[in-house]
Structure formats: structure tokens, C-alpha cells
């Protein structure tokens, strides 16, 4: 365990940020999975902007890499466009 007050505080901050980031990353993964499993085009088109915004926010806050967000958004858009 760390001895300095500043390093103890840093450990507390890191742990709380890790849990915060883990929650939002998992929420986004579930949203992406829900969108991928959707077979109704109208529902998918309604869900797509929400998921896209969620991915953009995660990329902006460096929870996920910006290229990963772009790749996910692109593949999801292709999936929604392919629905009949």
C-alpha cells in the first residue's frame, strides 16, 4: 500500500474512475449488441442515433478509442441499411 497521502488519493481516484468508465463502456456494449440483434428496420433506425451519440461521448472522454467508435458506428450503419 502507498505511504504518501497524494498516492493514496490517486489510488482512490483511479478506482472510482475505473468503475465509472467500466459502467459506461459496458452500457455501450449492451446497446451495440441490442442494435445488432434488432431485425426491425424502424426500431433499428430509432436506436441508431442514441447508440452513435453514446459511442461519440465515450470516444470524446477516451473511454474507448476514437477509431474503435468510428468502426463501430460504420458497421452499425451498414447493418441498419441492410435491413429490409
PDB file of N, CA and C in Angstrom:
ATOM      1  N   UNK A   1       0.847  -1.186   0.000  1.00  0.00           N
ATOM      2  CA  UNK A   1       0.000   0.000   0.000  1.00  0.00           C
ATOM      3  C   UNK A   1       0.882   1.235   0.000  1.00  0.00           C
ATOM      4  N   UNK A   2       0.409   2.268  -0.635  1.00  0.00           N
ATOM      5  CA  UNK A   2       1.169   3.506  -0.754  1.00  0.00           C
ATOM      6  C   UNK A   2       1.248   4.224   0.591  1.00  0.00           C
ATOM      7  N   UNK A   3       2.325   4.965   0.778  1.00  0.00           N
ATOM      8  CA  UNK A   3       2.540   5.665   2.037  1.00  0.00           C
ATOM      9  C   UNK A   3       2.201   7.147   1.966  1.00  0.00           C
ATOM     10  N   UNK A   4       2.318   7.749   0.808  1.00  0.00           N
ATOM     11  CA  UNK A   4       2.067   9.174   0.688  1.00  0.00           C
ATOM     12  C   UNK A   4       0.573   9.438   0.558  1.00  0.00           C
ATOM     13  N   UNK A   5       0.162  10.574   1.131  1.00  0.00           N
ATOM     14  CA  UNK A   5      -1.259  10.936   1.042  1.00  0.00           C
ATOM     15  C   UNK A   5      -1.688  11.138  -0.404  1.00  0.00           C
ATOM     16  N   UNK A   6      -0.830  11.740  -1.186  1.00  0.00           N
ATOM     17  CA  UNK A   6      -1.184  12.015  -2.581  1.00  0.00           C
ATOM     18  C   UNK A   6      -1.344  10.722  -3.377  1.00  0.00           C
ATOM     19  N   UNK A   7      -0.491   9.731  -3.096  1.00  0.00           N
ATOM     20  CA  UNK A   7      -0.609   8.469  -3.827  1.00  0.00           C
ATOM     21  C   UNK A   7      -1.824   7.674  -3.357  1.00  0.00           C
ATOM     22  N   UNK A   8      -2.179   7.805  -2.088  1.00  0.00           N
ATOM     23  CA  UNK A   8      -3.398   7.148  -1.600  1.00  0.00           C
ATOM     24  C   UNK A   8      -4.631   7.764  -2.259  1.00  0.00           C
ATOM     25  N   UNK A   9      -4.636   9.099  -2.377  1.00  0.00           N
ATOM     26  CA  UNK A   9      -5.740   9.776  -3.051  1.00  0.00           C
ATOM     27  C   UNK A   9      -5.801   9.376  -4.519  1.00  0.00           C
ATOM     28  N   UNK A  10      -4.635   9.293  -5.152  1.00  0.00           N
ATOM     29  CA  UNK A  10      -4.582   8.896  -6.555  1.00  0.00           C
ATOM     30  C   UNK A  10      -5.161   7.494  -6.740  1.00  0.00           C
ATOM     31  N   UNK A  11      -4.891   6.587  -5.819  1.00  0.00           N
ATOM     32  CA  UNK A  11      -5.429   5.218  -5.886  1.00  0.00           C
ATOM     33  C   UNK A  11      -6.948   5.245  -5.765  1.00  0.00           C
ATOM     34  N   UNK A  12      -7.463   6.071  -4.839  1.00  0.00           N
ATOM     35  CA  UNK A  12      -8.914   6.192  -4.683  1.00  0.00           C
ATOM     36  C   UNK A  12      -9.554   6.759  -5.946  1.00  0.00           C
ATOM     37  N   UNK A  13      -8.950   7.806  -6.503  1.00  0.00           N
ATOM     38  CA  UNK A  13      -9.499   8.424  -7.710  1.00  0.00           C
ATOM     39  C   UNK A  13      -9.469   7.458  -8.891  1.00  0.00           C
ATOM     40  N   UNK A  14      -8.380   6.731  -9.026  1.00  0.00           N
ATOM     41  CA  UNK A  14      -8.245   5.793 -10.137  1.00  0.00           C
ATOM     42  C   UNK A  14      -9.293   4.701 -10.053  1.00  0.00           C
ATOM     43  N   UNK A  15      -9.533   4.203  -8.857  1.00  0.00           N
ATOM     44  CA  UNK A  15     -10.519   3.132  -8.684  1.00  0.00           C
ATOM     45  C   UNK A  15     -11.926   3.625  -9.006  1.00  0.00           C
ATOM     46  N   UNK A  16     -12.276   4.825  -8.536  1.00  0.00           N
ATOM     47  CA  UNK A  16     -13.615   5.338  -8.813  1.00  0.00           C
ATOM     48  C   UNK A  16     -13.784   5.628 -10.300  1.00  0.00           C
ATOM     49  N   UNK A  17     -12.746   6.152 -10.970  1.00  0.00           N
ATOM     50  CA  UNK A  17     -12.817   6.398 -12.406  1.00  0.00           C
ATOM     51  C   UNK A  17     -12.909   5.092 -13.186  1.00  0.00           C
ATOM     52  N   UNK A  18     -12.173   4.074 -12.723  1.00  0.00           N
ATOM     53  CA  UNK A  18     -12.203   2.784 -13.399  1.00  0.00           C
ATOM     54  C   UNK A  18     -13.607   2.199 -13.367  1.00  0.00           C
ATOM     55  N   UNK A  19     -14.266   2.270 -12.214  1.00  0.00           N
ATOM     56  CA  UNK A  19     -15.619   1.748 -12.096  1.00  0.00           C
ATOM     57  C   UNK A  19     -16.600   2.557 -12.942  1.00  0.00           C
ATOM     58  N   UNK A  20     -16.427   3.871 -12.960  1.00  0.00           N
ATOM     59  CA  UNK A  20     -17.278   4.747 -13.762  1.00  0.00           C
ATOM     60  C   UNK A  20     -17.136   4.414 -15.245  1.00  0.00           C
ATOM     61  N   UNK A  21     -15.883   4.310 -15.709  1.00  0.00           N
ATOM     62  CA  UNK A  21     -15.631   4.006 -17.117  1.00  0.00           C
ATOM     63  C   UNK A  21     -16.130   2.619 -17.482  1.00  0.00           C
ATOM     64  N   UNK A  22     -15.960   1.667 -16.566  1.00  0.00           N
ATOM     65  CA  UNK A  22     -16.405   0.294 -16.804  1.00  0.00           C
ATOM     66  C   UNK A  22     -17.918   0.245 -16.979  1.00  0.00           C
ATOM     67  N   UNK A  23     -18.639   1.005 -16.179  1.00  0.00           N
ATOM     68  CA  UNK A  23     -20.099   1.038 -16.267  1.00  0.00           C
ATOM     69  C   UNK A  23     -20.545   1.572 -17.626  1.00  0.00           C
ATOM     70  N   UNK A  24     -19.983   2.703 -18.059  1.00  0.00           N
ATOM     71  CA  UNK A  24     -20.412   3.302 -19.315  1.00  0.00           C
ATOM     72  C   UNK A  24     -19.967   2.482 -20.519  1.00  0.00           C
ATOM     73  N   UNK A  25     -18.798   1.857 -20.429  1.00  0.00           N
ATOM     74  CA  UNK A  25     -18.329   1.004 -21.516  1.00  0.00           C
ATOM     75  C   UNK A  25     -19.234  -0.221 -21.657  1.00  0.00           C
ATOM     76  N   UNK A  26     -19.617  -0.810 -20.548  1.00  0.00           N
ATOM     77  CA  UNK A  26     -20.498  -1.977 -20.583  1.00  0.00           C
ATOM     78  C   UNK A  26     -21.880  -1.588 -21.103  1.00  0.00           C
ATOM     79  N   UNK A  27     -22.386  -0.430 -20.705  1.00  0.00           N
ATOM     80  CA  UNK A  27     -23.678   0.048 -21.179  1.00  0.00           C
ATOM     81  C   UNK A  27     -23.658   0.231 -22.691  1.00  0.00           C
ATOM     82  N   UNK A  28     -22.568   0.785 -23.196  1.00  0.00           N
ATOM     83  CA  UNK A  28     -22.445   0.980 -24.645  1.00  0.00           C
ATOM     84  C   UNK A  28     -22.367  -0.357 -25.369  1.00  0.00           C
ATOM     85  N   UNK A  29     -21.643  -1.304 -24.817  1.00  0.00           N
ATOM     86  CA  UNK A  29     -21.548  -2.628 -25.438  1.00  0.00           C
ATOM     87  C   UNK A  29     -22.913  -3.291 -25.504  1.00  0.00           C
ATOM     88  N   UNK A  30     -23.693  -3.159 -24.442  1.00  0.00           N
ATOM     89  CA  UNK A  30     -25.041  -3.732 -24.440  1.00  0.00           C
ATOM     90  C   UNK A  30     -25.928  -3.046 -25.465  1.00  0.00           C
ATOM     91  N   UNK A  31     -25.781  -1.742 -25.621  1.00  0.00           N
ATOM     92  CA  UNK A  31     -26.582  -1.007 -26.603  1.00  0.00           C
ATOM     93  C   UNK A  31     -26.210  -1.429 -28.023  1.00  0.00           C
ATOM     94  N   UNK A  32     -24.925  -1.623 -28.275  1.00  0.00           N
ATOM     95  CA  UNK A  32     -24.474  -2.066 -29.595  1.00  0.00           C
ATOM     96  C   UNK A  32     -25.005  -3.459 -29.882  1.00  0.00           C
ATOM     97  N   UNK A  33     -24.949  -4.311 -28.875  1.00  0.00           N
ATOM     98  CA  UNK A  33     -25.450  -5.678 -29.044  1.00  0.00           C
ATOM     99  C   UNK A  33     -26.952  -5.679 -29.309  1.00  0.00           C
ATOM    100  N   UNK A  34     -27.684  -4.832 -28.608  1.00  0.00           N
ATOM    101  CA  UNK A  34     -29.131  -4.744 -28.821  1.00  0.00           C
ATOM    102  C   UNK A  34     -29.445  -4.265 -30.230  1.00  0.00           C
ATOM    103  N   UNK A  35     -28.668  -3.308 -30.713  1.00  0.00           N
ATOM    104  CA  UNK A  35     -28.886  -2.802 -32.066  1.00  0.00           C
ATOM    105  C   UNK A  35     -28.549  -3.861 -33.110  1.00  0.00           C
ATOM    106  N   UNK A  36     -27.493  -4.609 -32.877  1.00  0.00           N
ATOM    107  CA  UNK A  36     -27.117  -5.665 -33.818  1.00  0.00           C
ATOM    108  C   UNK A  36     -28.165  -6.771 -33.873  1.00  0.00           C
ATOM    109  N   UNK A  37     -28.811  -7.044 -32.752  1.00  0.00           N
ATOM    110  CA  UNK A  37     -29.797  -8.122 -32.701  1.00  0.00           C
ATOM    111  C   UNK A  37     -31.178  -7.688 -33.168  1.00  0.00           C
ATOM    112  N   UNK A  38     -31.360  -6.398 -33.440  1.00  0.00           N
ATOM    113  CA  UNK A  38     -32.650  -5.898 -33.890  1.00  0.00           C
ATOM    114  C   UNK A  38     -32.879  -6.297 -35.344  1.00  0.00           C
ATOM    115  N   UNK A  39     -34.070  -6.828 -35.628  1.00  0.00           N
ATOM    116  CA  UNK A  39     -34.402  -7.207 -37.000  1.00  0.00           C
ATOM    117  C   UNK A  39     -35.412  -6.254 -37.631  1.00  0.00           C
ATOM    118  N   UNK A  40     -36.017  -5.397 -36.828  1.00  0.00           N
ATOM    119  CA  UNK A  40     -36.988  -4.425 -37.330  1.00  0.00           C
ATOM    120  C   UNK A  40     -36.264  -3.146 -37.751  1.00  0.00           C
ATOM    121  N   UNK A  41     -36.443  -2.752 -38.999  1.00  0.00           N
ATOM    122  CA  UNK A  41     -35.712  -1.591 -39.526  1.00  0.00           C
ATOM    123  C   UNK A  41     -36.111  -0.294 -38.824  1.00  0.00           C
ATOM    124  N   UNK A  42     -37.394  -0.117 -38.540  1.00  0.00           N
ATOM    125  CA  UNK A  42     -37.845   1.117 -37.886  1.00  0.00           C
ATOM    126  C   UNK A  42     -37.250   1.234 -36.485  1.00  0.00           C
ATOM    127  N   UNK A  43     -37.246   0.129 -35.754  1.00  0.00           N
ATOM    128  CA  UNK A  43     -36.670   0.141 -34.405  1.00  0.00           C
ATOM    129  C   UNK A  43     -35.169   0.397 -34.461  1.00  0.00           C
ATOM    130  N   UNK A  44     -34.508  -0.201 -35.431  1.00  0.00           N
ATOM    131  CA  UNK A  44     -33.064  -0.019 -35.571  1.00  0.00           C
ATOM    132  C   UNK A  44     -32.727   1.428 -35.925  1.00  0.00           C
ATOM    133  N   UNK A  45     -33.536   2.027 -36.804  1.00  0.00           N
ATOM    134  CA  UNK A  45     -33.288   3.423 -37.180  1.00  0.00           C
ATOM    135  C   UNK A  45     -33.547   4.368 -36.014  1.00  0.00           C
ATOM    136  N   UNK A  46     -34.461   4.004 -35.143  1.00  0.00           N
ATOM    137  CA  UNK A  46     -34.722   4.828 -33.965  1.00  0.00           C
ATOM    138  C   UNK A  46     -33.603   4.690 -32.934  1.00  0.00           C
ATOM    139  N   UNK A  47     -33.012   3.503 -32.857  1.00  0.00           N
ATOM    140  CA  UNK A  47     -31.979   3.227 -31.859  1.00  0.00           C
ATOM    141  C   UNK A  47     -30.602   3.708 -32.305  1.00  0.00           C
ATOM    142  N   UNK A  48     -30.373   3.774 -33.602  1.00  0.00           N
ATOM    143  CA  UNK A  48     -29.050   4.109 -34.125  1.00  0.00           C
ATOM    144  C   UNK A  48     -28.517   5.464 -33.651  1.00  0.00           C
ATOM    145  N   UNK A  49     -29.284   6.554 -33.683  1.00  0.00           N
ATOM    146  CA  UNK A  49     -28.724   7.838 -33.217  1.00  0.00           C
ATOM    147  C   UNK A  49     -28.329   7.825 -31.742  1.00  0.00           C
ATOM    148  N   UNK A  50     -29.080   7.099 -30.928  1.00  0.00           N
ATOM    149  CA  UNK A  50     -28.752   7.029 -29.494  1.00  0.00           C
ATOM    150  C   UNK A  50     -27.435   6.300 -29.281  1.00  0.00           C
ATOM    151  N   UNK A  51     -27.266   5.177 -29.986  1.00  0.00           N
ATOM    152  CA  UNK A  51     -26.034   4.397 -29.847  1.00  0.00           C
ATOM    153  C   UNK A  51     -24.852   5.183 -30.406  1.00  0.00           C
ATOM    154  N   UNK A  52     -25.057   5.863 -31.516  1.00  0.00           N
ATOM    155  CA  UNK A  52     -23.993   6.671 -32.111  1.00  0.00           C
ATOM    156  C   UNK A  52     -23.550   7.778 -31.169  1.00  0.00           C
ATOM    157  N   UNK A  53     -24.505   8.445 -30.552  1.00  0.00           N
ATOM    158  CA  UNK A  53     -24.168   9.505 -29.601  1.00  0.00           C
ATOM    159  C   UNK A  53     -23.415   8.938 -28.400  1.00  0.00           C
ATOM    160  N   UNK A  54     -23.834   7.768 -27.945  1.00  0.00           N
ATOM    161  CA  UNK A  54     -23.175   7.134 -26.811  1.00  0.00           C
ATOM    162  C   UNK A  54     -21.717   6.811 -27.149  1.00  0.00           C
ATOM    163  N   UNK A  55     -21.485   6.268 -28.344  1.00  0.00           N
ATOM    164  CA  UNK A  55     -20.123   5.936 -28.762  1.00  0.00           C
ATOM    165  C   UNK A  55     -19.275   7.199 -28.914  1.00  0.00           C
ATOM    166  N   UNK A  56     -19.876   8.263 -29.438  1.00  0.00           N
ATOM    167  CA  UNK A  56     -19.136   9.523 -29.587  1.00  0.00           C
ATOM    168  C   UNK A  56     -18.711  10.081 -28.234  1.00  0.00           C
ATOM    169  N   UNK A  57     -19.605  10.006 -27.269  1.00  0.00           N
ATOM    170  CA  UNK A  57     -19.277  10.519 -25.937  1.00  0.00           C
ATOM    171  C   UNK A  57     -18.168   9.696 -25.288  1.00  0.00           C
ATOM    172  N   UNK A  58     -18.210   8.378 -25.467  1.00  0.00           N
ATOM    173  CA  UNK A  58     -17.160   7.533 -24.899  1.00  0.00           C
ATOM    174  C   UNK A  58     -15.814   7.816 -25.562  1.00  0.00           C
ATOM    175  N   UNK A  59     -15.829   8.045 -26.849  1.00  0.00           N
ATOM    176  CA  UNK A  59     -14.585   8.357 -27.553  1.00  0.00           C
ATOM    177  C   UNK A  59     -14.054   9.719 -27.126  1.00  0.00           C
ATOM    178  N   UNK A  60     -14.955  10.667 -26.922  1.00  0.00           N
ATOM    179  CA  UNK A  60     -14.541  12.006 -26.509  1.00  0.00           C
ATOM    180  C   UNK A  60     -13.870  11.984 -25.133  1.00  0.00           C
ATOM    181  N   UNK A  61     -14.357  11.125 -24.263  1.00  0.00           N
ATOM    182  CA  UNK A  61     -13.801  11.030 -22.915  1.00  0.00           C
ATOM    183  C   UNK A  61     -12.698   9.977 -22.797  1.00  0.00           C
ATOM    184  N   UNK A  62     -12.249   9.450 -23.943  1.00  0.00           N
ATOM    185  CA  UNK A  62     -11.161   8.473 -24.002  1.00  0.00           C
ATOM    186  C   UNK A  62     -11.455   7.184 -23.245  1.00  0.00           C
ATOM    187  N   UNK A  63     -12.723   6.826 -23.153  1.00  0.00           N
ATOM    188  CA  UNK A  63     -13.077   5.543 -22.559  1.00  0.00           C
ATOM    189  C   UNK A  63     -12.870   4.453 -23.604  1.00  0.00           C
ATOM    190  N   UNK A  64     -13.211   4.761 -24.852  1.00  0.00           N
ATOM    191  CA  UNK A  64     -12.835   3.897 -25.961  1.00  0.00           C
ATOM    192  C   UNK A  64     -12.071   4.744 -26.974  1.00  0.00           C
ATOM    193  N   UNK A  65     -11.303   4.098 -27.821  1.00  0.00           N
ATOM    194  CA  UNK A  65     -10.516   4.813 -28.823  1.00  0.00           C
ATOM    195  C   UNK A  65     -11.448   5.385 -29.884  1.00  0.00           C
ATOM    196  N   UNK A  66     -11.076   6.530 -30.407  1.00  0.00           N
ATOM    197  CA  UNK A  66     -11.936   7.193 -31.394  1.00  0.00           C
ATOM    198  C   UNK A  66     -12.078   6.363 -32.665  1.00  0.00           C
ATOM    199  N   UNK A  67     -11.021   5.645 -33.059  1.00  0.00           N
ATOM    200  CA  UNK A  67     -11.121   4.796 -34.244  1.00  0.00           C
ATOM    201  C   UNK A  67     -12.059   3.621 -34.001  1.00  0.00           C
ATOM    202  N   UNK A  68     -12.061   3.087 -32.795  1.00  0.00           N
ATOM    203  CA  UNK A  68     -12.973   1.993 -32.470  1.00  0.00           C
ATOM    204  C   UNK A  68     -14.413   2.483 -32.555  1.00  0.00           C
ATOM    205  N   UNK A  69     -14.664   3.682 -32.043  1.00  0.00           N
ATOM    206  CA  UNK A  69     -16.007   4.253 -32.122  1.00  0.00           C
ATOM    207  C   UNK A  69     -16.421   4.438 -33.577  1.00  0.00           C
ATOM    208  N   UNK A  70     -15.499   4.925 -34.404  1.00  0.00           N
ATOM    209  CA  UNK A  70     -15.805   5.137 -35.811  1.00  0.00           C
ATOM    210  C   UNK A  70     -16.092   3.814 -36.512  1.00  0.00           C
ATOM    211  N   UNK A  71     -15.301   2.786 -36.210  1.00  0.00           N
ATOM    212  CA  UNK A  71     -15.516   1.471 -36.824  1.00  0.00           C
ATOM    213  C   UNK A  71     -16.853   0.878 -36.400  1.00  0.00           C
ATOM    214  N   UNK A  72     -17.204   1.016 -35.128  1.00  0.00           N
ATOM    215  CA  UNK A  72     -18.481   0.504 -34.641  1.00  0.00           C
ATOM    216  C   UNK A  72     -19.642   1.235 -35.302  1.00  0.00           C
ATOM    217  N   UNK A  73     -19.553   2.553 -35.375  1.00  0.00           N
ATOM    218  CA  UNK A  73     -20.624   3.343 -35.981  1.00  0.00           C
ATOM    219  C   UNK A  73     -20.803   2.973 -37.448  1.00  0.00           C
ATOM    220  N   UNK A  74     -19.702   2.775 -38.135  1.00  0.00           N
ATOM    221  CA  UNK A  74     -19.760   2.421 -39.547  1.00  0.00           C
ATOM    222  C   UNK A  74     -20.412   1.051 -39.746  1.00  0.00           C
ATOM    223  N   UNK A  75     -19.992   0.073 -38.947  1.00  0.00           N
ATOM    224  CA  UNK A  75     -20.554  -1.268 -39.104  1.00  0.00           C
ATOM    225  C   UNK A  75     -22.023  -1.306 -38.709  1.00  0.00           C
ATOM    226  N   UNK A  76     -22.409  -0.527 -37.707  1.00  0.00           N
ATOM    227  CA  UNK A  76     -23.809  -0.478 -37.300  1.00  0.00           C
ATOM    228  C   UNK A  76     -24.665   0.198 -38.373  1.00  0.00           C
ATOM    229  N   UNK A  77     -24.126   1.241 -38.988  1.00  0.00           N
ATOM    230  CA  UNK A  77     -24.867   1.917 -40.055  1.00  0.00           C
ATOM    231  C   UNK A  77     -25.074   0.987 -41.241  1.00  0.00           C
ATOM    232  N   UNK A  78     -24.048   0.216 -41.589  1.00  0.00           N
ATOM    233  CA  UNK A  78     -24.168  -0.763 -42.660  1.00  0.00           C
ATOM    234  C   UNK A  78     -25.211  -1.818 -42.324  1.00  0.00           C
ATOM    235  N   UNK A  79     -25.224  -2.239 -41.072  1.00  0.00           N
ATOM    236  CA  UNK A  79     -26.188  -3.252 -40.628  1.00  0.00           C
ATOM    237  C   UNK A  79     -27.619  -2.719 -40.741  1.00  0.00           C
ATOM    238  N   UNK A  80     -27.830  -1.474 -40.295  1.00  0.00           N
ATOM    239  CA  UNK A  80     -29.165  -0.882 -40.350  1.00  0.00           C
ATOM    240  C   UNK A  80     -29.591  -0.677 -41.805  1.00  0.00           C
ATOM    241  N   UNK A  81     -28.682  -0.262 -42.658  1.00  0.00           N
ATOM    242  CA  UNK A  81     -29.004  -0.041 -44.060  1.00  0.00           C
ATOM    243  C   UNK A  81     -29.363  -1.354 -44.758  1.00  0.00           C
ATOM    244  N   UNK A  82     -28.769  -2.452 -44.307  1.00  0.00           N
ATOM    245  CA  UNK A  82     -29.004  -3.741 -44.951  1.00  0.00           C
ATOM    246  C   UNK A  82     -30.336  -4.364 -44.540  1.00  0.00           C
ATOM    247  N   UNK A  83     -30.940  -3.861 -43.447  1.00  0.00           N
ATOM    248  CA  UNK A  83     -32.224  -4.414 -43.026  1.00  0.00           C
ATOM    249  C   UNK A  83     -33.297  -4.097 -44.059  1.00  0.00           C
ATOM    250  N   UNK A  84     -34.198  -5.078 -44.240  1.00  0.00           N
ATOM    251  CA  UNK A  84     -35.231  -4.886 -45.264  1.00  0.00           C
ATOM    252  C   UNK A  84     -36.473  -4.261 -44.687  1.00  0.00           C
TER     253      UNK A  84
END
